[in-house]
Amino acid sequence: MKILVLNCGSSSIKFQLFEMTTESVLSRGIVEKVGLKGSFLKLEKENGQKVMFEGEILDHQTGIEYVLGVLTSRKHGCLKSLD
């Protein structure tokens, strides 16, 4: 079972995705400057590789959509789907 934990602040969203059967972190990251110019998402994969995505993240809903999109992306994601 995988569990996604979100910690939403006034202008950031921190997240970690856990694999509970092995008690390991599959991915972690942060969305910074939500609602401000220069917003971005930083992702750290299980293997330590870090990637950054810049975008216009106007609100927390959009930020969470970015997080889910990255976690399910073919190139950087660790989930095949959200099911």
C-alpha atoms as a PDB file:
ATOM      1  CA  MET A   1       0.000   0.000   0.000  1.00  0.00           C
ATOM      2  CA  LYS A   2       1.220   3.481  -0.857  1.00  0.00           C
ATOM      3  CA  ILE A   3       0.377   6.576   1.199  1.00  0.00           C
ATOM      4  CA  LEU A   4       0.798  10.182   0.069  1.00  0.00           C
ATOM      5  CA  VAL A   5       1.253  12.707   2.876  1.00  0.00           C
ATOM      6  CA  LEU A   6       0.714  16.411   2.169  1.00  0.00           C
ATOM      7  CA  ASN A   7       1.607  19.361   4.402  1.00  0.00           C
ATOM      8  CA  CYS A   8       0.060  22.534   2.991  1.00  0.00           C
ATOM      9  CA  GLY A   9       1.245  25.911   4.228  1.00  0.00           C
ATOM     10  CA  SER A  10       0.257  29.397   3.116  1.00  0.00           C
ATOM     11  CA  SER A  11       2.495  29.351   0.018  1.00  0.00           C
ATOM     12  CA  SER A  12       3.960  25.840  -0.098  1.00  0.00           C
ATOM     13  CA  ILE A  13       3.012  22.167  -0.306  1.00  0.00           C
ATOM     14  CA  LYS A  14       5.399  19.562   1.082  1.00  0.00           C
ATOM     15  CA  PHE A  15       4.801  15.935   0.171  1.00  0.00           C
ATOM     16  CA  GLN A  16       6.144  12.427   0.688  1.00  0.00           C
ATOM     17  CA  LEU A  17       4.999   9.182  -0.895  1.00  0.00           C
ATOM     18  CA  PHE A  18       5.523   6.105   1.271  1.00  0.00           C
ATOM     19  CA  GLU A  19       5.515   2.401   0.380  1.00  0.00           C
ATOM     20  CA  MET A  20       4.122   0.944   3.586  1.00  0.00           C
ATOM     21  CA  THR A  21       5.002  -2.706   2.939  1.00  0.00           C
ATOM     22  CA  THR A  22       8.711  -1.837   2.964  1.00  0.00           C
ATOM     23  CA  GLU A  23       8.377   1.310   5.116  1.00  0.00           C
ATOM     24  CA  SER A  24      10.330   3.307   2.534  1.00  0.00           C
ATOM     25  CA  VAL A  25       9.974   6.756   0.981  1.00  0.00           C
ATOM     26  CA  LEU A  26       9.397   6.473  -2.776  1.00  0.00           C
ATOM     27  CA  SER A  27       9.433  10.191  -3.456  1.00  0.00           C
ATOM     28  CA  ARG A  28       9.408  13.524  -1.659  1.00  0.00           C
ATOM     29  CA  GLY A  29       9.296  17.138  -2.618  1.00  0.00           C
ATOM     30  CA  ILE A  30       7.908  20.611  -2.269  1.00  0.00           C
ATOM     31  CA  VAL A  31       5.859  23.090  -4.244  1.00  0.00           C
ATOM     32  CA  GLU A  32       7.101  26.608  -3.443  1.00  0.00           C
ATOM     33  CA  LYS A  33       5.648  30.088  -3.990  1.00  0.00           C
ATOM     34  CA  VAL A  34       2.045  28.952  -4.468  1.00  0.00           C
ATOM     35  CA  GLY A  35       0.081  31.952  -5.730  1.00  0.00           C
ATOM     36  CA  LEU A  36       3.237  33.960  -6.423  1.00  0.00           C
ATOM     37  CA  LYS A  37       5.464  34.588  -9.418  1.00  0.00           C
ATOM     38  CA  GLY A  38       8.272  32.095  -9.876  1.00  0.00           C
ATOM     39  CA  SER A  39       6.461  29.070  -8.420  1.00  0.00           C
ATOM     40  CA  PHE A  40       8.080  25.668  -8.831  1.00  0.00           C
ATOM     41  CA  LEU A  41       8.005  22.026  -7.781  1.00  0.00           C
ATOM     42  CA  LYS A  42      11.119  20.201  -6.565  1.00  0.00           C
ATOM     43  CA  LEU A  43      11.042  16.402  -6.543  1.00  0.00           C
ATOM     44  CA  GLU A  44      13.508  13.943  -5.031  1.00  0.00           C
ATOM     45  CA  LYS A  45      13.193  10.372  -6.231  1.00  0.00           C
ATOM     46  CA  GLU A  46      13.934   7.242  -4.222  1.00  0.00           C
ATOM     47  CA  ASN A  47      17.343   6.938  -5.936  1.00  0.00           C
ATOM     48  CA  GLY A  48      18.277  10.479  -4.826  1.00  0.00           C
ATOM     49  CA  GLN A  49      17.835  12.062  -8.259  1.00  0.00           C
ATOM     50  CA  LYS A  50      16.396  15.574  -7.997  1.00  0.00           C
ATOM     51  CA  VAL A  51      14.348  17.378 -10.622  1.00  0.00           C
ATOM     52  CA  MET A  52      12.690  20.791 -10.693  1.00  0.00           C
ATOM     53  CA  PHE A  53       9.655  21.989 -12.624  1.00  0.00           C
ATOM     54  CA  GLU A  54       8.748  25.653 -12.992  1.00  0.00           C
ATOM     55  CA  GLY A  55       5.184  26.687 -13.664  1.00  0.00           C
ATOM     56  CA  GLU A  56       2.366  29.035 -12.837  1.00  0.00           C
ATOM     57  CA  ILE A  57       0.901  27.533  -9.680  1.00  0.00           C
ATOM     58  CA  LEU A  58      -1.848  29.969  -8.743  1.00  0.00           C
ATOM     59  CA  ASP A  59      -3.436  28.042  -5.876  1.00  0.00           C
ATOM     60  CA  HIS A  60      -3.112  24.919  -3.735  1.00  0.00           C
ATOM     61  CA  GLN A  61      -5.469  22.909  -5.935  1.00  0.00           C
ATOM     62  CA  THR A  62      -3.193  23.505  -8.923  1.00  0.00           C
ATOM     63  CA  GLY A  63      -0.162  22.664  -6.788  1.00  0.00           C
ATOM     64  CA  ILE A  64      -1.648  19.332  -5.740  1.00  0.00           C
ATOM     65  CA  GLU A  65      -2.513  18.596  -9.383  1.00  0.00           C
ATOM     66  CA  TYR A  66       1.163  19.242 -10.266  1.00  0.00           C
ATOM     67  CA  VAL A  67       2.262  16.840  -7.505  1.00  0.00           C
ATOM     68  CA  LEU A  68      -0.092  14.086  -8.684  1.00  0.00           C
ATOM     69  CA  GLY A  69       0.918  14.669 -12.297  1.00  0.00           C
ATOM     70  CA  VAL A  70       4.626  14.342 -11.522  1.00  0.00           C
ATOM     71  CA  LEU A  71       4.123  11.250  -9.350  1.00  0.00           C
ATOM     72  CA  THR A  72       2.293   9.531 -12.228  1.00  0.00           C
ATOM     73  CA  SER A  73       4.454  10.806 -15.096  1.00  0.00           C
ATOM     74  CA  ARG A  74       6.290   8.240 -17.227  1.00  0.00           C
ATOM     75  CA  LYS A  75       9.649   9.952 -16.910  1.00  0.00           C
ATOM     76  CA  HIS A  76       9.763  10.986 -13.252  1.00  0.00           C
ATOM     77  CA  GLY A  77       6.874   9.226 -11.551  1.00  0.00           C
ATOM     78  CA  CYS A  78       6.823   6.219  -9.290  1.00  0.00           C
ATOM     79  CA  LEU A  79       3.098   5.477  -9.659  1.00  0.00           C
ATOM     80  CA  LYS A  80       1.460   3.882 -12.690  1.00  0.00           C
ATOM     81  CA  SER A  81      -1.883   5.468 -11.807  1.00  0.00           C
ATOM     82  CA  LEU A  82      -3.813   6.974  -8.913  1.00  0.00           C
ATOM     83  CA  ASP A  83      -5.989   3.845  -8.535  1.00  0.00           C
END
